[in-house]
C-alpha cells in the first residue's frame, strides 16, 4: 500500500525588502540606544543640572559667605527633595520600560507566527 502524496508548498517569494549593498544601518552607542528606547530624556539632564547647581551653590555660599547652620540644612533638604523626586521618576520610567519589554516578549510568539505565515503565503496574510 503506497503512502498518499502529501501536498507541497510553493517556494517562498523572493525577499524584495533587502537593504541595498553599501548601506549599513548606523551602530548605536549605549547612550544613543538608551535615548532611543526612552530611558534617557532631556528632563534627566535638567534635573542633574539643578541638583549639581544646588550643591555648587551650597559649597560657594559656605566658602564665600556666612550662612547659618539652619540655612545650610534648608539648602541640603531642598536638594535632597529634588534628588528624591528625580529618582522616583527614574524608578517609574524603568518600571514602564520593564513592562513594555515583558509585553514585547509575551507577544513575540504571535508576531513570529504572523511573520512566518506572511512569508509563506507571499504577503497575502
PDB file of N, CA and C in Angstrom:
ATOM      1  N   UNK A   1       0.838  -1.166   0.000  1.00  0.00           N
ATOM      2  CA  UNK A   1       0.000   0.000   0.000  1.00  0.00           C
ATOM      3  C   UNK A   1       0.893   1.242   0.000  1.00  0.00           C
ATOM      4  N   UNK A   2       0.700   2.075  -0.947  1.00  0.00           N
ATOM      5  CA  UNK A   2       1.520   3.272  -1.114  1.00  0.00           C
ATOM      6  C   UNK A   2       0.986   4.395  -0.230  1.00  0.00           C
ATOM      7  N   UNK A   3       1.907   5.161   0.261  1.00  0.00           N
ATOM      8  CA  UNK A   3       1.532   6.314   1.100  1.00  0.00           C
ATOM      9  C   UNK A   3       0.957   7.402   0.207  1.00  0.00           C
ATOM     10  N   UNK A   4      -0.146   8.059   0.653  1.00  0.00           N
ATOM     11  CA  UNK A   4      -0.721   9.108  -0.192  1.00  0.00           C
ATOM     12  C   UNK A   4       0.250  10.280  -0.363  1.00  0.00           C
ATOM     13  N   UNK A   5       0.147  10.901  -1.492  1.00  0.00           N
ATOM     14  CA  UNK A   5       1.034  12.026  -1.794  1.00  0.00           C
ATOM     15  C   UNK A   5       0.686  13.209  -0.885  1.00  0.00           C
ATOM     16  N   UNK A   6       1.698  13.803  -0.326  1.00  0.00           N
ATOM     17  CA  UNK A   6       1.496  14.977   0.527  1.00  0.00           C
ATOM     18  C   UNK A   6       1.542  16.235  -0.328  1.00  0.00           C
ATOM     19  N   UNK A   7       0.686  17.191   0.014  1.00  0.00           N
ATOM     20  CA  UNK A   7       0.748  18.438  -0.761  1.00  0.00           C
ATOM     21  C   UNK A   7       2.048  19.183  -0.446  1.00  0.00           C
ATOM     22  N   UNK A   8       2.608  19.772  -1.433  1.00  0.00           N
ATOM     23  CA  UNK A   8       3.848  20.537  -1.243  1.00  0.00           C
ATOM     24  C   UNK A   8       3.534  22.019  -1.290  1.00  0.00           C
ATOM     25  N   UNK A   9       4.289  22.765  -0.529  1.00  0.00           N
ATOM     26  CA  UNK A   9       4.123  24.215  -0.508  1.00  0.00           C
ATOM     27  C   UNK A   9       4.926  24.829  -1.638  1.00  0.00           C
ATOM     28  N   UNK A  10       4.431  25.909  -2.199  1.00  0.00           N
ATOM     29  CA  UNK A  10       5.225  26.589  -3.222  1.00  0.00           C
ATOM     30  C   UNK A  10       6.451  27.224  -2.562  1.00  0.00           C
ATOM     31  N   UNK A  11       7.486  27.438  -3.337  1.00  0.00           N
ATOM     32  CA  UNK A  11       8.664  28.080  -2.743  1.00  0.00           C
ATOM     33  C   UNK A  11       8.314  29.494  -2.272  1.00  0.00           C
ATOM     34  N   UNK A  12       8.958  29.934  -1.215  1.00  0.00           N
ATOM     35  CA  UNK A  12       8.652  31.273  -0.712  1.00  0.00           C
ATOM     36  C   UNK A  12       9.051  32.342  -1.724  1.00  0.00           C
ATOM     37  N   UNK A  13       8.340  33.449  -1.730  1.00  0.00           N
ATOM     38  CA  UNK A  13       8.681  34.520  -2.683  1.00  0.00           C
ATOM     39  C   UNK A  13      10.035  35.141  -2.324  1.00  0.00           C
ATOM     40  N   UNK A  14      10.629  35.745  -3.328  1.00  0.00           N
ATOM     41  CA  UNK A  14      11.918  36.415  -3.108  1.00  0.00           C
ATOM     42  C   UNK A  14      11.699  37.628  -2.207  1.00  0.00           C
ATOM     43  N   UNK A  15      12.613  37.832  -1.307  1.00  0.00           N
ATOM     44  CA  UNK A  15      12.510  38.959  -0.371  1.00  0.00           C
ATOM     45  C   UNK A  15      13.003  40.216  -1.076  1.00  0.00           C
ATOM     46  N   UNK A  16      12.081  41.109  -1.373  1.00  0.00           N
ATOM     47  CA  UNK A  16      12.449  42.328  -2.091  1.00  0.00           C
ATOM     48  C   UNK A  16      12.759  43.486  -1.153  1.00  0.00           C
ATOM     49  N   UNK A  17      12.670  43.263   0.156  1.00  0.00           N
ATOM     50  CA  UNK A  17      12.879  44.341   1.114  1.00  0.00           C
ATOM     51  C   UNK A  17      14.278  44.303   1.705  1.00  0.00           C
ATOM     52  N   UNK A  18      15.237  43.866   0.932  1.00  0.00           N
ATOM     53  CA  UNK A  18      16.602  43.806   1.438  1.00  0.00           C
ATOM     54  C   UNK A  18      17.270  45.171   1.310  1.00  0.00           C
ATOM     55  N   UNK A  19      18.224  45.402   2.197  1.00  0.00           N
ATOM     56  CA  UNK A  19      18.965  46.666   2.181  1.00  0.00           C
ATOM     57  C   UNK A  19      19.940  46.634   1.010  1.00  0.00           C
ATOM     58  N   UNK A  20      19.988  47.702   0.213  1.00  0.00           N
ATOM     59  CA  UNK A  20      20.938  47.735  -0.900  1.00  0.00           C
ATOM     60  C   UNK A  20      22.378  47.635  -0.384  1.00  0.00           C
ATOM     61  N   UNK A  21      23.248  47.045  -1.188  1.00  0.00           N
ATOM     62  CA  UNK A  21      24.644  46.924  -0.746  1.00  0.00           C
ATOM     63  C   UNK A  21      25.283  48.306  -0.574  1.00  0.00           C
ATOM     64  N   UNK A  22      26.125  48.411   0.422  1.00  0.00           N
ATOM     65  CA  UNK A  22      26.815  49.672   0.695  1.00  0.00           C
ATOM     66  C   UNK A  22      26.097  50.550   1.701  1.00  0.00           C
ATOM     67  N   UNK A  23      24.884  50.183   2.096  1.00  0.00           N
ATOM     68  CA  UNK A  23      24.142  50.974   3.084  1.00  0.00           C
ATOM     69  C   UNK A  23      23.934  50.096   4.313  1.00  0.00           C
ATOM     70  N   UNK A  24      24.676  50.370   5.349  1.00  0.00           N
ATOM     71  CA  UNK A  24      24.505  49.633   6.599  1.00  0.00           C
ATOM     72  C   UNK A  24      23.803  50.533   7.600  1.00  0.00           C
ATOM     73  N   UNK A  25      22.963  49.951   8.452  1.00  0.00           N
ATOM     74  CA  UNK A  25      22.342  50.778   9.483  1.00  0.00           C
ATOM     75  C   UNK A  25      23.402  51.281  10.459  1.00  0.00           C
ATOM     76  N   UNK A  26      23.253  52.494  10.970  1.00  0.00           N
ATOM     77  CA  UNK A  26      24.280  53.029  11.869  1.00  0.00           C
ATOM     78  C   UNK A  26      24.288  52.262  13.192  1.00  0.00           C
ATOM     79  N   UNK A  27      25.488  52.051  13.714  1.00  0.00           N
ATOM     80  CA  UNK A  27      25.631  51.394  15.007  1.00  0.00           C
ATOM     81  C   UNK A  27      25.382  52.417  16.104  1.00  0.00           C
ATOM     82  N   UNK A  28      24.632  52.021  17.115  1.00  0.00           N
ATOM     83  CA  UNK A  28      24.289  52.927  18.203  1.00  0.00           C
ATOM     84  C   UNK A  28      25.218  52.718  19.388  1.00  0.00           C
ATOM     85  N   UNK A  29      25.571  53.809  20.023  1.00  0.00           N
ATOM     86  CA  UNK A  29      26.299  53.719  21.279  1.00  0.00           C
ATOM     87  C   UNK A  29      25.290  53.379  22.373  1.00  0.00           C
ATOM     88  N   UNK A  30      25.758  52.933  23.546  1.00  0.00           N
ATOM     89  CA  UNK A  30      24.804  52.648  24.622  1.00  0.00           C
ATOM     90  C   UNK A  30      23.952  53.864  25.002  1.00  0.00           C
ATOM     91  N   UNK A  31      24.532  55.053  24.984  1.00  0.00           N
ATOM     92  CA  UNK A  31      23.760  56.254  25.320  1.00  0.00           C
ATOM     93  C   UNK A  31      22.696  56.532  24.259  1.00  0.00           C
ATOM     94  N   UNK A  32      23.046  56.378  22.984  1.00  0.00           N
ATOM     95  CA  UNK A  32      22.069  56.596  21.912  1.00  0.00           C
ATOM     96  C   UNK A  32      20.949  55.560  21.972  1.00  0.00           C
ATOM     97  N   UNK A  33      21.310  54.321  22.305  1.00  0.00           N
ATOM     98  CA  UNK A  33      20.285  53.281  22.428  1.00  0.00           C
ATOM     99  C   UNK A  33      19.353  53.573  23.601  1.00  0.00           C
ATOM    100  N   UNK A  34      19.900  54.091  24.708  1.00  0.00           N
ATOM    101  CA  UNK A  34      19.059  54.437  25.856  1.00  0.00           C
ATOM    102  C   UNK A  34      18.114  55.583  25.523  1.00  0.00           C
ATOM    103  N   UNK A  35      18.598  56.561  24.768  1.00  0.00           N
ATOM    104  CA  UNK A  35      17.735  57.673  24.351  1.00  0.00           C
ATOM    105  C   UNK A  35      16.657  57.167  23.407  1.00  0.00           C
ATOM    106  N   UNK A  36      17.027  56.294  22.467  1.00  0.00           N
ATOM    107  CA  UNK A  36      16.058  55.770  21.520  1.00  0.00           C
ATOM    108  C   UNK A  36      15.006  54.910  22.223  1.00  0.00           C
ATOM    109  N   UNK A  37      15.409  54.178  23.262  1.00  0.00           N
ATOM    110  CA  UNK A  37      14.460  53.343  23.997  1.00  0.00           C
ATOM    111  C   UNK A  37      13.619  54.153  24.969  1.00  0.00           C
ATOM    112  N   UNK A  38      14.023  55.379  25.256  1.00  0.00           N
ATOM    113  CA  UNK A  38      13.246  56.221  26.153  1.00  0.00           C
ATOM    114  C   UNK A  38      13.728  56.195  27.587  1.00  0.00           C
ATOM    115  N   UNK A  39      14.913  55.649  27.832  1.00  0.00           N
ATOM    116  CA  UNK A  39      15.420  55.617  29.203  1.00  0.00           C
ATOM    117  C   UNK A  39      16.078  56.932  29.600  1.00  0.00           C
ATOM    118  N   UNK A  40      16.662  57.642  28.667  1.00  0.00           N
ATOM    119  CA  UNK A  40      17.255  58.949  28.952  1.00  0.00           C
ATOM    120  C   UNK A  40      16.461  60.012  28.203  1.00  0.00           C
ATOM    121  N   UNK A  41      16.110  61.059  28.923  1.00  0.00           N
ATOM    122  CA  UNK A  41      15.326  62.144  28.326  1.00  0.00           C
ATOM    123  C   UNK A  41      15.971  63.473  28.691  1.00  0.00           C
ATOM    124  N   UNK A  42      15.606  64.544  27.995  1.00  0.00           N
ATOM    125  CA  UNK A  42      16.152  65.856  28.346  1.00  0.00           C
ATOM    126  C   UNK A  42      15.838  66.253  29.793  1.00  0.00           C
ATOM    127  N   UNK A  43      14.742  65.751  30.305  1.00  0.00           N
ATOM    128  CA  UNK A  43      14.371  66.002  31.701  1.00  0.00           C
ATOM    129  C   UNK A  43      15.478  65.550  32.657  1.00  0.00           C
ATOM    130  N   UNK A  44      16.161  64.442  32.329  1.00  0.00           N
ATOM    131  CA  UNK A  44      17.239  63.946  33.181  1.00  0.00           C
ATOM    132  C   UNK A  44      18.405  64.931  33.226  1.00  0.00           C
ATOM    133  N   UNK A  45      18.738  65.507  32.099  1.00  0.00           N
ATOM    134  CA  UNK A  45      19.832  66.470  32.064  1.00  0.00           C
ATOM    135  C   UNK A  45      19.475  67.716  32.871  1.00  0.00           C
ATOM    136  N   UNK A  46      18.228  68.161  32.772  1.00  0.00           N
ATOM    137  CA  UNK A  46      17.801  69.344  33.528  1.00  0.00           C
ATOM    138  C   UNK A  46      17.851  69.060  35.031  1.00  0.00           C
ATOM    139  N   UNK A  47      17.331  67.909  35.436  1.00  0.00           N
ATOM    140  CA  UNK A  47      17.333  67.580  36.866  1.00  0.00           C
ATOM    141  C   UNK A  47      18.756  67.401  37.400  1.00  0.00           C
ATOM    142  N   UNK A  48      19.620  66.757  36.631  1.00  0.00           N
ATOM    143  CA  UNK A  48      21.012  66.594  37.063  1.00  0.00           C
ATOM    144  C   UNK A  48      21.691  67.959  37.187  1.00  0.00           C
ATOM    145  N   UNK A  49      21.403  68.875  36.269  1.00  0.00           N
ATOM    146  CA  UNK A  49      21.985  70.214  36.344  1.00  0.00           C
ATOM    147  C   UNK A  49      21.464  70.982  37.558  1.00  0.00           C
ATOM    148  N   UNK A  50      20.156  70.858  37.846  1.00  0.00           N
ATOM    149  CA  UNK A  50      19.591  71.550  39.018  1.00  0.00           C
ATOM    150  C   UNK A  50      20.217  71.023  40.303  1.00  0.00           C
ATOM    151  N   UNK A  51      20.353  69.713  40.410  1.00  0.00           N
ATOM    152  CA  UNK A  51      20.934  69.117  41.617  1.00  0.00           C
ATOM    153  C   UNK A  51      22.397  69.524  41.756  1.00  0.00           C
ATOM    154  N   UNK A  52      23.147  69.469  40.664  1.00  0.00           N
ATOM    155  CA  UNK A  52      24.549  69.862  40.721  1.00  0.00           C
ATOM    156  C   UNK A  52      24.698  71.343  41.086  1.00  0.00           C
ATOM    157  N   UNK A  53      23.882  72.191  40.473  1.00  0.00           N
ATOM    158  CA  UNK A  53      23.975  73.625  40.771  1.00  0.00           C
ATOM    159  C   UNK A  53      23.586  73.931  42.216  1.00  0.00           C
ATOM    160  N   UNK A  54      22.657  73.180  42.750  1.00  0.00           N
ATOM    161  CA  UNK A  54      22.265  73.384  44.148  1.00  0.00           C
ATOM    162  C   UNK A  54      23.431  73.060  45.086  1.00  0.00           C
ATOM    163  N   UNK A  55      24.120  71.937  44.837  1.00  0.00           N
ATOM    164  CA  UNK A  55      25.278  71.599  45.671  1.00  0.00           C
ATOM    165  C   UNK A  55      26.423  72.591  45.444  1.00  0.00           C
ATOM    166  N   UNK A  56      26.606  73.033  44.210  1.00  0.00           N
ATOM    167  CA  UNK A  56      27.648  74.023  43.917  1.00  0.00           C
ATOM    168  C   UNK A  56      27.347  75.342  44.627  1.00  0.00           C
ATOM    169  N   UNK A  57      26.086  75.749  44.605  1.00  0.00           N
ATOM    170  CA  UNK A  57      25.685  76.970  45.307  1.00  0.00           C
ATOM    171  C   UNK A  57      25.932  76.838  46.806  1.00  0.00           C
ATOM    172  N   UNK A  58      25.627  75.689  47.370  1.00  0.00           N
ATOM    173  CA  UNK A  58      25.849  75.470  48.804  1.00  0.00           C
ATOM    174  C   UNK A  58      27.338  75.550  49.131  1.00  0.00           C
ATOM    175  N   UNK A  59      28.171  74.952  48.289  1.00  0.00           N
ATOM    176  CA  UNK A  59      29.617  74.977  48.543  1.00  0.00           C
ATOM    177  C   UNK A  59      30.167  76.401  48.429  1.00  0.00           C
ATOM    178  N   UNK A  60      29.743  77.132  47.393  1.00  0.00           N
ATOM    179  CA  UNK A  60      30.231  78.502  47.222  1.00  0.00           C
ATOM    180  C   UNK A  60      29.728  79.416  48.339  1.00  0.00           C
ATOM    181  N   UNK A  61      28.500  79.224  48.743  1.00  0.00           N
ATOM    182  CA  UNK A  61      27.949  80.037  49.832  1.00  0.00           C
ATOM    183  C   UNK A  61      28.689  79.778  51.130  1.00  0.00           C
ATOM    184  N   UNK A  62      29.044  78.522  51.354  1.00  0.00           N
ATOM    185  CA  UNK A  62      29.783  78.178  52.577  1.00  0.00           C
ATOM    186  C   UNK A  62      31.193  78.764  52.538  1.00  0.00           C
ATOM    187  N   UNK A  63      31.830  78.729  51.368  1.00  0.00           N
ATOM    188  CA  UNK A  63      33.202  79.238  51.262  1.00  0.00           C
ATOM    189  C   UNK A  63      33.260  80.766  51.253  1.00  0.00           C
ATOM    190  N   UNK A  64      32.346  81.408  50.533  1.00  0.00           N
ATOM    191  CA  UNK A  64      32.446  82.844  50.308  1.00  0.00           C
ATOM    192  C   UNK A  64      31.489  83.670  51.164  1.00  0.00           C
ATOM    193  N   UNK A  65      30.498  83.044  51.741  1.00  0.00           N
ATOM    194  CA  UNK A  65      29.501  83.786  52.506  1.00  0.00           C
ATOM    195  C   UNK A  65      29.517  83.379  53.972  1.00  0.00           C
ATOM    196  N   UNK A  66      28.464  83.794  54.643  1.00  0.00           N
ATOM    197  CA  UNK A  66      28.326  83.453  56.058  1.00  0.00           C
ATOM    198  C   UNK A  66      26.932  82.886  56.317  1.00  0.00           C
ATOM    199  N   UNK A  67      26.664  81.667  55.800  1.00  0.00           N
ATOM    200  CA  UNK A  67      25.346  81.092  56.052  1.00  0.00           C
ATOM    201  C   UNK A  67      25.272  80.526  57.468  1.00  0.00           C
ATOM    202  N   UNK A  68      24.093  80.544  58.026  1.00  0.00           N
ATOM    203  CA  UNK A  68      23.894  79.918  59.333  1.00  0.00           C
ATOM    204  C   UNK A  68      23.743  78.418  59.117  1.00  0.00           C
ATOM    205  N   UNK A  69      23.918  77.635  60.155  1.00  0.00           N
ATOM    206  CA  UNK A  69      23.709  76.191  60.001  1.00  0.00           C
ATOM    207  C   UNK A  69      22.288  75.861  59.529  1.00  0.00           C
ATOM    208  N   UNK A  70      21.310  76.657  59.963  1.00  0.00           N
ATOM    209  CA  UNK A  70      19.935  76.407  59.523  1.00  0.00           C
ATOM    210  C   UNK A  70      19.786  76.644  58.020  1.00  0.00           C
ATOM    211  N   UNK A  71      20.493  77.639  57.472  1.00  0.00           N
ATOM    212  CA  UNK A  71      20.471  77.884  56.029  1.00  0.00           C
ATOM    213  C   UNK A  71      21.045  76.692  55.266  1.00  0.00           C
ATOM    214  N   UNK A  72      22.145  76.162  55.745  1.00  0.00           N
ATOM    215  CA  UNK A  72      22.777  75.023  55.067  1.00  0.00           C
ATOM    216  C   UNK A  72      21.889  73.777  55.145  1.00  0.00           C
ATOM    217  N   UNK A  73      21.238  73.576  56.287  1.00  0.00           N
ATOM    218  CA  UNK A  73      20.337  72.425  56.432  1.00  0.00           C
ATOM    219  C   UNK A  73      19.149  72.574  55.485  1.00  0.00           C
ATOM    220  N   UNK A  74      18.603  73.777  55.386  1.00  0.00           N
ATOM    221  CA  UNK A  74      17.467  74.003  54.491  1.00  0.00           C
ATOM    222  C   UNK A  74      17.873  73.770  53.032  1.00  0.00           C
ATOM    223  N   UNK A  75      19.052  74.240  52.660  1.00  0.00           N
ATOM    224  CA  UNK A  75      19.518  74.041  51.283  1.00  0.00           C
ATOM    225  C   UNK A  75      19.768  72.556  51.008  1.00  0.00           C
ATOM    226  N   UNK A  76      20.352  71.847  51.961  1.00  0.00           N
ATOM    227  CA  UNK A  76      20.584  70.410  51.773  1.00  0.00           C
ATOM    228  C   UNK A  76      19.263  69.654  51.673  1.00  0.00           C
ATOM    229  N   UNK A  77      18.288  70.028  52.491  1.00  0.00           N
ATOM    230  CA  UNK A  77      16.986  69.359  52.416  1.00  0.00           C
ATOM    231  C   UNK A  77      16.287  69.624  51.080  1.00  0.00           C
ATOM    232  N   UNK A  78      16.400  70.844  50.584  1.00  0.00           N
ATOM    233  CA  UNK A  78      15.811  71.152  49.277  1.00  0.00           C
ATOM    234  C   UNK A  78      16.461  70.301  48.187  1.00  0.00           C
ATOM    235  N   UNK A  79      17.773  70.170  48.258  1.00  0.00           N
ATOM    236  CA  UNK A  79      18.472  69.365  47.263  1.00  0.00           C
ATOM    237  C   UNK A  79      18.108  67.888  47.393  1.00  0.00           C
ATOM    238  N   UNK A  80      17.932  67.419  48.611  1.00  0.00           N
ATOM    239  CA  UNK A  80      17.536  66.022  48.813  1.00  0.00           C
ATOM    240  C   UNK A  80      16.136  65.778  48.247  1.00  0.00           C
ATOM    241  N   UNK A  81      15.248  66.746  48.393  1.00  0.00           N
ATOM    242  CA  UNK A  81      13.903  66.601  47.827  1.00  0.00           C
ATOM    243  C   UNK A  81      13.973  66.545  46.303  1.00  0.00           C
ATOM    244  N   UNK A  82      14.785  67.424  45.682  1.00  0.00           N
ATOM    245  CA  UNK A  82      14.962  67.369  44.228  1.00  0.00           C
ATOM    246  C   UNK A  82      15.494  66.003  43.804  1.00  0.00           C
ATOM    247  N   UNK A  83      16.490  65.513  44.512  1.00  0.00           N
ATOM    248  CA  UNK A  83      17.097  64.229  44.174  1.00  0.00           C
ATOM    249  C   UNK A  83      16.095  63.092  44.315  1.00  0.00           C
ATOM    250  N   UNK A  84      15.312  63.092  45.384  1.00  0.00           N
ATOM    251  CA  UNK A  84      14.316  62.041  45.564  1.00  0.00           C
ATOM    252  C   UNK A  84      13.248  62.100  44.481  1.00  0.00           C
ATOM    253  N   UNK A  85      12.822  63.293  44.129  1.00  0.00           N
ATOM    254  CA  UNK A  85      11.819  63.436  43.060  1.00  0.00           C
ATOM    255  C   UNK A  85      12.351  62.856  41.756  1.00  0.00           C
ATOM    256  N   UNK A  86      13.607  63.158  41.454  1.00  0.00           N
ATOM    257  CA  UNK A  86      14.205  62.657  40.217  1.00  0.00           C
ATOM    258  C   UNK A  86      14.352  61.136  40.264  1.00  0.00           C
ATOM    259  N   UNK A  87      14.800  60.596  41.390  1.00  0.00           N
ATOM    260  CA  UNK A  87      14.967  59.150  41.498  1.00  0.00           C
ATOM    261  C   UNK A  87      13.628  58.411  41.405  1.00  0.00           C
ATOM    262  N   UNK A  88      12.583  58.975  41.984  1.00  0.00           N
ATOM    263  CA  UNK A  88      11.266  58.351  41.879  1.00  0.00           C
ATOM    264  C   UNK A  88      10.803  58.348  40.426  1.00  0.00           C
ATOM    265  N   UNK A  89      11.030  59.441  39.721  1.00  0.00           N
ATOM    266  CA  UNK A  89      10.638  59.459  38.302  1.00  0.00           C
ATOM    267  C   UNK A  89      11.461  58.458  37.496  1.00  0.00           C
ATOM    268  N   UNK A  90      12.737  58.257  37.840  1.00  0.00           N
ATOM    269  CA  UNK A  90      13.551  57.250  37.156  1.00  0.00           C
ATOM    270  C   UNK A  90      13.044  55.844  37.436  1.00  0.00           C
ATOM    271  N   UNK A  91      12.630  55.582  38.675  1.00  0.00           N
ATOM    272  CA  UNK A  91      12.100  54.260  39.017  1.00  0.00           C
ATOM    273  C   UNK A  91      10.830  53.980  38.216  1.00  0.00           C
ATOM    274  N   UNK A  92       9.940  54.955  38.120  1.00  0.00           N
ATOM    275  CA  UNK A  92       8.724  54.750  37.334  1.00  0.00           C
ATOM    276  C   UNK A  92       9.036  54.551  35.855  1.00  0.00           C
ATOM    277  N   UNK A  93      10.008  55.288  35.344  1.00  0.00           N
ATOM    278  CA  UNK A  93      10.364  55.127  33.938  1.00  0.00           C
ATOM    279  C   UNK A  93      10.966  53.752  33.688  1.00  0.00           C
ATOM    280  N   UNK A  94      11.803  53.269  34.591  1.00  0.00           N
ATOM    281  CA  UNK A  94      12.381  51.928  34.441  1.00  0.00           C
ATOM    282  C   UNK A  94      11.305  50.851  34.564  1.00  0.00           C
ATOM    283  N   UNK A  95      10.346  51.044  35.477  1.00  0.00           N
ATOM    284  CA  UNK A  95       9.249  50.085  35.600  1.00  0.00           C
ATOM    285  C   UNK A  95       8.436  50.043  34.315  1.00  0.00           C
ATOM    286  N   UNK A  96       8.190  51.194  33.716  1.00  0.00           N
ATOM    287  CA  UNK A  96       7.460  51.240  32.446  1.00  0.00           C
ATOM    288  C   UNK A  96       8.244  50.527  31.347  1.00  0.00           C
ATOM    289  N   UNK A  97       9.558  50.718  31.328  1.00  0.00           N
ATOM    290  CA  UNK A  97      10.402  50.058  30.339  1.00  0.00           C
ATOM    291  C   UNK A  97      10.357  48.541  30.519  1.00  0.00           C
ATOM    292  N   UNK A  98      10.392  48.070  31.771  1.00  0.00           N
ATOM    293  CA  UNK A  98      10.328  46.636  32.040  1.00  0.00           C
ATOM    294  C   UNK A  98       8.974  46.080  31.596  1.00  0.00           C
ATOM    295  N   UNK A  99       7.892  46.807  31.885  1.00  0.00           N
ATOM    296  CA  UNK A  99       6.571  46.348  31.457  1.00  0.00           C
ATOM    297  C   UNK A  99       6.466  46.266  29.931  1.00  0.00           C
ATOM    298  N   UNK A 100       7.008  47.258  29.240  1.00  0.00           N
ATOM    299  CA  UNK A 100       6.981  47.234  27.776  1.00  0.00           C
ATOM    300  C   UNK A 100       7.808  46.069  27.239  1.00  0.00           C
ATOM    301  N   UNK A 101       8.955  45.799  27.857  1.00  0.00           N
ATOM    302  CA  UNK A 101       9.803  44.698  27.414  1.00  0.00           C
ATOM    303  C   UNK A 101       9.103  43.361  27.641  1.00  0.00           C
ATOM    304  N   UNK A 102       8.459  43.207  28.802  1.00  0.00           N
ATOM    305  CA  UNK A 102       7.725  41.963  29.088  1.00  0.00           C
ATOM    306  C   UNK A 102       6.575  41.777  28.097  1.00  0.00           C
ATOM    307  N   UNK A 103       5.887  42.849  27.765  1.00  0.00           N
ATOM    308  CA  UNK A 103       4.797  42.752  26.789  1.00  0.00           C
ATOM    309  C   UNK A 103       5.330  42.338  25.422  1.00  0.00           C
ATOM    310  N   UNK A 104       6.479  42.903  25.035  1.00  0.00           N
ATOM    311  CA  UNK A 104       7.071  42.523  23.751  1.00  0.00           C
ATOM    312  C   UNK A 104       7.483  41.055  23.754  1.00  0.00           C
ATOM    313  N   UNK A 105       8.038  40.586  24.871  1.00  0.00           N
ATOM    314  CA  UNK A 105       8.445  39.178  24.964  1.00  0.00           C
ATOM    315  C   UNK A 105       7.220  38.266  24.903  1.00  0.00           C
ATOM    316  N   UNK A 106       6.133  38.648  25.586  1.00  0.00           N
ATOM    317  CA  UNK A 106       4.930  37.823  25.575  1.00  0.00           C
ATOM    318  C   UNK A 106       4.271  37.787  24.209  1.00  0.00           C
ATOM    319  N   UNK A 107       4.397  38.859  23.425  1.00  0.00           N
ATOM    320  CA  UNK A 107       3.795  38.906  22.093  1.00  0.00           C
ATOM    321  C   UNK A 107       4.710  38.356  21.004  1.00  0.00           C
ATOM    322  N   UNK A 108       5.934  37.996  21.361  1.00  0.00           N
ATOM    323  CA  UNK A 108       6.894  37.533  20.361  1.00  0.00           C
ATOM    324  C   UNK A 108       6.433  36.278  19.620  1.00  0.00           C
ATOM    325  N   UNK A 109       5.880  35.243  20.284  1.00  0.00           N
ATOM    326  CA  UNK A 109       5.430  34.072  19.516  1.00  0.00           C
ATOM    327  C   UNK A 109       4.330  34.424  18.506  1.00  0.00           C
ATOM    328  N   UNK A 110       3.418  35.274  18.894  1.00  0.00           N
ATOM    329  CA  UNK A 110       2.347  35.676  17.971  1.00  0.00           C
ATOM    330  C   UNK A 110       2.927  36.411  16.769  1.00  0.00           C
ATOM    331  N   UNK A 111       3.841  37.345  17.022  1.00  0.00           N
ATOM    332  CA  UNK A 111       4.425  38.121  15.925  1.00  0.00           C
ATOM    333  C   UNK A 111       5.260  37.243  15.011  1.00  0.00           C
ATOM    334  N   UNK A 112       6.019  36.305  15.583  1.00  0.00           N
ATOM    335  CA  UNK A 112       6.838  35.436  14.727  1.00  0.00           C
ATOM    336  C   UNK A 112       5.959  34.516  13.885  1.00  0.00           C
ATOM    337  N   UNK A 113       4.852  34.029  14.457  1.00  0.00           N
ATOM    338  CA  UNK A 113       3.939  33.198  13.676  1.00  0.00           C
ATOM    339  C   UNK A 113       3.287  34.017  12.560  1.00  0.00           C
ATOM    340  N   UNK A 114       2.935  35.260  12.855  1.00  0.00           N
ATOM    341  CA  UNK A 114       2.337  36.117  11.837  1.00  0.00           C
ATOM    342  C   UNK A 114       3.323  36.397  10.707  1.00  0.00           C
ATOM    343  N   UNK A 115       4.585  36.659  11.065  1.00  0.00           N
ATOM    344  CA  UNK A 115       5.597  36.908  10.038  1.00  0.00           C
ATOM    345  C   UNK A 115       5.858  35.664   9.197  1.00  0.00           C
ATOM    346  N   UNK A 116       5.895  34.489   9.848  1.00  0.00           N
ATOM    347  CA  UNK A 116       6.133  33.254   9.098  1.00  0.00           C
ATOM    348  C   UNK A 116       4.970  32.979   8.142  1.00  0.00           C
ATOM    349  N   UNK A 117       3.737  33.162   8.611  1.00  0.00           N
ATOM    350  CA  UNK A 117       2.583  32.942   7.739  1.00  0.00           C
ATOM    351  C   UNK A 117       2.580  33.945   6.580  1.00  0.00           C
ATOM    352  N   UNK A 118       2.949  35.169   6.868  1.00  0.00           N
ATOM    353  CA  UNK A 118       3.012  36.191   5.832  1.00  0.00           C
ATOM    354  C   UNK A 118       4.078  35.842   4.794  1.00  0.00           C
ATOM    355  N   UNK A 119       5.214  35.339   5.258  1.00  0.00           N
ATOM    356  CA  UNK A 119       6.293  34.988   4.357  1.00  0.00           C
ATOM    357  C   UNK A 119       5.912  33.775   3.494  1.00  0.00           C
ATOM    358  N   UNK A 120       5.287  32.777   4.113  1.00  0.00           N
ATOM    359  CA  UNK A 120       4.954  31.554   3.377  1.00  0.00           C
ATOM    360  C   UNK A 120       3.834  31.768   2.364  1.00  0.00           C
ATOM    361  N   UNK A 121       2.952  32.708   2.634  1.00  0.00           N
ATOM    362  CA  UNK A 121       1.850  32.950   1.697  1.00  0.00           C
ATOM    363  C   UNK A 121       2.158  34.056   0.695  1.00  0.00           C
ATOM    364  N   UNK A 122       3.340  34.587   0.755  1.00  0.00           N
ATOM    365  CA  UNK A 122       3.716  35.614  -0.205  1.00  0.00           C
ATOM    366  C   UNK A 122       3.098  36.961   0.080  1.00  0.00           C
ATOM    367  N   UNK A 123       2.791  37.236   1.342  1.00  0.00           N
ATOM    368  CA  UNK A 123       2.258  38.524   1.718  1.00  0.00           C
ATOM    369  C   UNK A 123       0.746  38.626   1.643  1.00  0.00           C
ATOM    370  N   UNK A 124       0.058  37.493   1.567  1.00  0.00           N
ATOM    371  CA  UNK A 124      -1.404  37.518   1.451  1.00  0.00           C
ATOM    372  C   UNK A 124      -2.084  37.409   2.802  1.00  0.00           C
ATOM    373  N   UNK A 125      -1.356  37.372   3.902  1.00  0.00           N
ATOM    374  CA  UNK A 125      -1.975  37.264   5.232  1.00  0.00           C
ATOM    375  C   UNK A 125      -1.949  38.597   5.921  1.00  0.00           C
TER     376      UNK A 125
END
